């Protein structure tokens, strides 16, 4: 009964429910527009499958598992912990942590955890913003509120993207032992861009999806969260292709 309740609850969520309704509506045109019907059904089925944990596990898990888990015993000395920026929603009426996106907050929490493990390491928070509010400033305020001393925190407020973050931090970080904190999906591209600036980094990824742990009864049910995860990884693949294209045209680009 529990599993049946969960299956029904999952099916009536916006994404699977919408796809089921679209499929039923397509049945109405199946006799008069056969080619359009077949193509539409294929697209609906493809969207359903790519939104399932089963497919996400095939696409994402190998990439997640390729990122090594940080071992404090293997890296006993660290000079800097770099937390890459993410989204923000400026609102002066809210505390700093509530103005950060869930991704930025997840990255910062990991950075703070590591800062406690490495008390002599500098905590570098990065990211630009808008309306005079930057991601780096909000992360710095949150880190101080959670016990990190202000003199350990360095901001990188002019970086608009990962390439900027690597380029702007390079003069400060070259020849340092650096832990790089970002989303696991973003780690390959981030490490690539930092390496291009001469910065070797130790990865510490957050937002690990672990789709292989999805219960069997949910493996083939589409969900918006799964689709978002697949979209995030697709975005990163496009980013890697863009870097490769830029470098093929200019060997010194990025």
Protein backbone atom coordinates (compact mmCIF):
# COMPACT_ATOMS: atom_id res chain seq x y z
CA UNK A 1 0.00 0.00 0.00
CA UNK A 2 2.86 2.39 0.84
CA UNK A 3 4.54 1.88 -2.54
CA UNK A 4 1.21 2.20 -4.39
CA UNK A 5 0.55 5.50 -2.60
CA UNK A 6 4.00 6.77 -3.58
CA UNK A 7 3.53 5.71 -7.22
CA UNK A 8 0.16 7.43 -7.50
CA UNK A 9 1.51 10.51 -5.75
CA UNK A 10 4.44 10.67 -8.16
CA UNK A 11 2.24 10.25 -11.24
CA UNK A 12 0.01 13.19 -10.35
CA UNK A 13 2.93 15.60 -10.07
CA UNK A 14 2.97 18.31 -12.79
CA UNK A 15 5.51 16.77 -15.19
CA UNK A 16 4.25 13.14 -15.38
CA UNK A 17 0.60 14.24 -15.19
CA UNK A 18 1.11 16.71 -18.06
CA UNK A 19 2.85 14.11 -20.21
CA UNK A 20 0.07 11.60 -19.59
CA UNK A 21 -2.60 14.15 -20.55
CA UNK A 22 -0.66 15.09 -23.70
CA UNK A 23 -0.41 11.41 -24.61
CA UNK A 24 -4.17 10.95 -24.20
CA UNK A 25 -4.88 14.04 -26.28
CA UNK A 26 -2.59 12.72 -29.00
CA UNK A 27 -4.78 9.65 -29.26
CA UNK A 28 -7.55 11.93 -30.54
CA UNK A 29 -5.51 12.90 -33.61
CA UNK A 30 -3.98 9.49 -34.23
CA UNK A 31 -6.26 8.62 -37.16
CA UNK A 32 -6.13 11.88 -39.08
CA UNK A 33 -2.51 12.95 -38.58
CA UNK A 34 -0.57 9.71 -38.31
CA UNK A 35 2.93 11.09 -38.96
CA UNK A 36 2.48 13.95 -36.52
CA UNK A 37 0.99 11.54 -34.02
CA UNK A 38 3.91 9.11 -34.22
CA UNK A 39 6.49 11.87 -33.94
CA UNK A 40 4.66 13.49 -31.03
CA UNK A 41 4.37 10.18 -29.18
CA UNK A 42 8.08 9.53 -29.65
CA UNK A 43 8.92 12.97 -28.27
CA UNK A 44 6.62 12.53 -25.28
CA UNK A 45 8.12 9.12 -24.53
CA UNK A 46 11.65 10.49 -24.91
CA UNK A 47 10.91 13.34 -22.51
CA UNK A 48 9.37 10.88 -20.06
CA UNK A 49 12.38 8.56 -20.18
CA UNK A 50 15.00 11.29 -19.80
CA UNK A 51 13.07 12.49 -16.75
CA UNK A 52 13.24 9.11 -14.97
CA UNK A 53 15.79 8.15 -12.31
CA UNK A 54 16.64 5.06 -14.37
CA UNK A 55 17.89 7.13 -17.30
CA UNK A 56 19.45 9.77 -15.05
CA UNK A 57 21.41 7.02 -13.32
CA UNK A 58 22.83 5.86 -16.67
CA UNK A 59 23.75 9.41 -17.70
CA UNK A 60 24.87 10.98 -14.44
CA UNK A 61 26.17 8.34 -12.03
CA UNK A 62 29.36 7.52 -14.04
CA UNK A 63 30.28 11.20 -14.04
CA UNK A 64 29.54 11.57 -10.34
CA UNK A 65 31.66 8.55 -9.49
CA UNK A 66 34.56 9.89 -11.55
CA UNK A 67 34.95 12.75 -9.05
CA UNK A 68 37.00 11.44 -6.10
CA UNK A 69 35.77 11.97 -2.56
CA UNK A 70 37.96 14.35 -0.60
CA UNK A 71 40.12 12.60 1.98
CA UNK A 72 41.40 14.82 4.76
CA UNK A 73 44.05 12.21 5.62
CA UNK A 74 45.40 12.38 2.07
CA UNK A 75 45.48 16.18 2.05
CA UNK A 76 46.63 17.33 5.47
CA UNK A 77 47.85 20.77 4.41
CA UNK A 78 45.64 23.15 2.45
CA UNK A 79 46.33 26.82 1.67
CA UNK A 80 42.96 27.85 0.33
CA UNK A 81 39.38 26.66 0.01
CA UNK A 82 37.67 28.18 -3.02
CA UNK A 83 33.88 28.23 -3.07
CA UNK A 84 32.51 29.06 -6.51
CA UNK A 85 29.52 31.36 -6.81
CA UNK A 86 26.00 30.49 -7.90
CA UNK A 87 22.65 32.25 -7.95
CA UNK A 88 21.31 34.86 -5.59
CA UNK A 89 18.09 36.81 -5.01
CA UNK A 90 18.95 40.14 -3.35
CA UNK A 91 16.50 41.19 -0.65
CA UNK A 92 17.76 43.57 2.02
CA UNK A 93 15.00 42.47 4.39
CA UNK A 94 16.41 38.93 4.57
CA UNK A 95 19.61 37.62 6.19
CA UNK A 96 22.44 36.86 3.80
CA UNK A 97 21.95 33.08 3.77
CA UNK A 98 18.32 33.44 2.65
CA UNK A 99 19.39 35.55 -0.34
CA UNK A 100 21.62 32.78 -1.70
CA UNK A 101 20.34 30.12 -4.08
CA UNK A 102 20.14 26.55 -2.83
CA UNK A 103 23.18 25.73 -4.97
CA UNK A 104 25.24 28.61 -3.57
CA UNK A 105 24.22 27.65 -0.04
CA UNK A 106 25.16 23.99 -0.58
CA UNK A 107 28.59 25.03 -1.85
CA UNK A 108 29.14 27.45 1.01
CA UNK A 109 28.14 24.92 3.69
CA UNK A 110 30.78 22.56 2.33
CA UNK A 111 33.32 25.37 2.26
CA UNK A 112 32.59 26.22 5.89
CA UNK A 113 32.82 22.55 6.88
CA UNK A 114 36.24 22.34 5.27
CA UNK A 115 37.31 25.64 6.84
CA UNK A 116 36.73 24.07 10.25
CA UNK A 117 38.76 21.01 9.24
CA UNK A 118 41.57 23.20 7.90
CA UNK A 119 41.74 26.08 10.43
CA UNK A 120 44.78 27.67 8.76
CA UNK A 121 43.33 27.70 5.24
CA UNK A 122 41.95 30.83 3.63
CA UNK A 123 38.27 30.68 2.64
CA UNK A 124 37.74 32.30 -0.76
CA UNK A 125 34.15 33.01 -1.77
CA UNK A 126 33.50 33.99 -5.34
CA UNK A 127 30.82 35.41 -7.59
CA UNK A 128 29.46 38.68 -8.91
CA UNK A 129 25.81 39.73 -8.68
CA UNK A 130 23.52 42.64 -9.43
CA UNK A 131 21.96 45.69 -7.76
CA UNK A 132 25.23 46.17 -5.85
CA UNK A 133 24.80 42.83 -4.11
CA UNK A 134 27.28 40.08 -4.94
CA UNK A 135 27.22 36.38 -4.32
CA UNK A 136 30.66 36.62 -2.73
CA UNK A 137 29.51 39.28 -0.25
CA UNK A 138 26.47 37.25 0.78
CA UNK A 139 28.57 34.12 1.21
CA UNK A 140 31.13 36.06 3.25
CA UNK A 141 28.40 37.41 5.55
CA UNK A 142 26.93 33.93 5.96
CA UNK A 143 30.32 32.38 6.67
CA UNK A 144 31.00 34.98 9.38
CA UNK A 145 27.58 34.33 10.91
CA UNK A 146 28.47 30.62 11.05
CA UNK A 147 31.72 31.09 12.90
CA UNK A 148 34.42 31.82 10.30
CA UNK A 149 36.61 34.78 11.28
CA UNK A 150 36.53 37.72 8.90
CA UNK A 151 40.32 37.76 8.49
CA UNK A 152 40.19 34.25 6.99
CA UNK A 153 37.71 35.22 4.26
CA UNK A 154 38.67 36.60 0.86
CA UNK A 155 36.04 37.76 -1.63
CA UNK A 156 36.21 37.57 -5.42
CA UNK A 157 33.26 39.83 -6.36
CA UNK A 158 34.08 40.63 -9.99
CA UNK A 159 33.84 37.09 -11.37
CA UNK A 160 30.81 36.69 -13.62
CA UNK A 161 31.47 33.08 -14.57
CA UNK A 162 33.86 30.20 -13.88
CA UNK A 163 36.41 31.38 -16.43
CA UNK A 164 36.51 34.77 -14.68
CA UNK A 165 36.85 33.09 -11.29
CA UNK A 166 39.87 31.10 -12.42
CA UNK A 167 41.52 34.03 -14.18
CA UNK A 168 41.01 36.53 -11.35
CA UNK A 169 42.18 34.13 -8.64
CA UNK A 170 45.18 32.78 -10.53
CA UNK A 171 47.72 35.39 -9.32
CA UNK A 172 46.78 34.60 -5.72
CA UNK A 173 46.53 30.81 -5.97
CA UNK A 174 49.29 29.62 -8.29
CA UNK A 175 51.65 27.26 -6.41
CA UNK A 176 49.10 26.89 -3.57
CA UNK A 177 47.31 23.77 -2.37
CA UNK A 178 43.70 24.52 -3.24
CA UNK A 179 40.42 22.73 -2.55
CA UNK A 180 37.79 23.62 -5.11
CA UNK A 181 34.18 23.51 -3.93
CA UNK A 182 31.43 23.47 -6.52
CA UNK A 183 28.56 21.30 -7.69
CA UNK A 184 29.65 17.81 -8.73
CA UNK A 185 28.07 18.36 -12.16
CA UNK A 186 30.22 21.49 -12.60
CA UNK A 187 33.47 20.08 -11.24
CA UNK A 188 35.05 18.80 -14.48
CA UNK A 189 34.59 22.13 -16.25
CA UNK A 190 35.69 24.15 -13.23
CA UNK A 191 38.86 22.12 -12.68
CA UNK A 192 39.65 22.37 -16.39
CA UNK A 193 39.38 26.17 -16.34
CA UNK A 194 41.44 26.49 -13.16
CA UNK A 195 44.11 24.14 -14.53
CA UNK A 196 44.31 26.31 -17.67
CA UNK A 197 45.32 29.19 -15.36
CA UNK A 198 48.00 27.07 -13.67
CA UNK A 199 45.98 26.20 -10.56
CA UNK A 200 45.90 22.55 -9.56
CA UNK A 201 42.83 21.83 -7.45
CA UNK A 202 41.52 19.14 -5.13
CA UNK A 203 37.82 18.58 -5.83
CA UNK A 204 35.11 18.65 -3.19
CA UNK A 205 31.79 18.31 -4.98
CA UNK A 206 28.33 19.00 -3.59
CA UNK A 207 24.82 18.29 -4.88
CA UNK A 208 25.46 14.62 -5.54
CA UNK A 209 22.29 13.03 -6.91
CA UNK A 210 23.01 9.31 -6.31
CA UNK A 211 20.19 8.13 -8.58
CA UNK A 212 21.35 4.52 -8.19
CA UNK A 213 19.75 4.59 -4.72
CA UNK A 214 16.28 5.39 -6.10
CA UNK A 215 13.67 2.83 -4.93
CA UNK A 216 12.65 0.38 -7.70
CA UNK A 217 9.03 1.58 -7.80
CA UNK A 218 10.20 5.10 -8.75
CA UNK A 219 12.84 4.15 -11.33
CA UNK A 220 10.57 4.71 -14.35
CA UNK A 221 8.37 7.55 -13.10
CA UNK A 222 9.21 10.92 -14.59
CA UNK A 223 9.90 13.76 -12.18
CA UNK A 224 10.76 17.42 -12.57
CA UNK A 225 13.67 17.10 -10.12
CA UNK A 226 15.24 14.37 -12.25
CA UNK A 227 14.70 16.39 -15.42
CA UNK A 228 16.39 19.36 -13.73
CA UNK A 229 19.38 17.19 -12.84
CA UNK A 230 19.69 15.89 -16.41
CA UNK A 231 19.34 19.46 -17.72
CA UNK A 232 22.13 20.60 -15.39
CA UNK A 233 24.47 17.90 -16.67
CA UNK A 234 23.51 18.65 -20.28
CA UNK A 235 24.38 22.30 -19.64
CA UNK A 236 27.80 21.27 -18.37
CA UNK A 237 28.43 19.08 -21.41
CA UNK A 238 27.60 22.05 -23.64
CA UNK A 239 29.99 24.15 -21.58
CA UNK A 240 32.80 21.66 -22.13
CA UNK A 241 32.08 21.60 -25.87
CA UNK A 242 32.16 25.40 -25.93
CA UNK A 243 35.56 25.42 -24.22
CA UNK A 244 36.89 22.87 -26.71
CA UNK A 245 35.58 24.96 -29.61
CA UNK A 246 37.11 28.17 -28.24
CA UNK A 247 40.46 26.46 -27.75
CA UNK A 248 40.39 24.95 -31.23
CA UNK A 249 40.09 28.48 -32.64
CA UNK A 250 42.51 30.06 -30.17
CA UNK A 251 44.88 27.85 -28.19
CA UNK A 252 45.16 30.47 -25.44
CA UNK A 253 41.42 30.97 -25.01
CA UNK A 254 39.95 30.06 -21.61
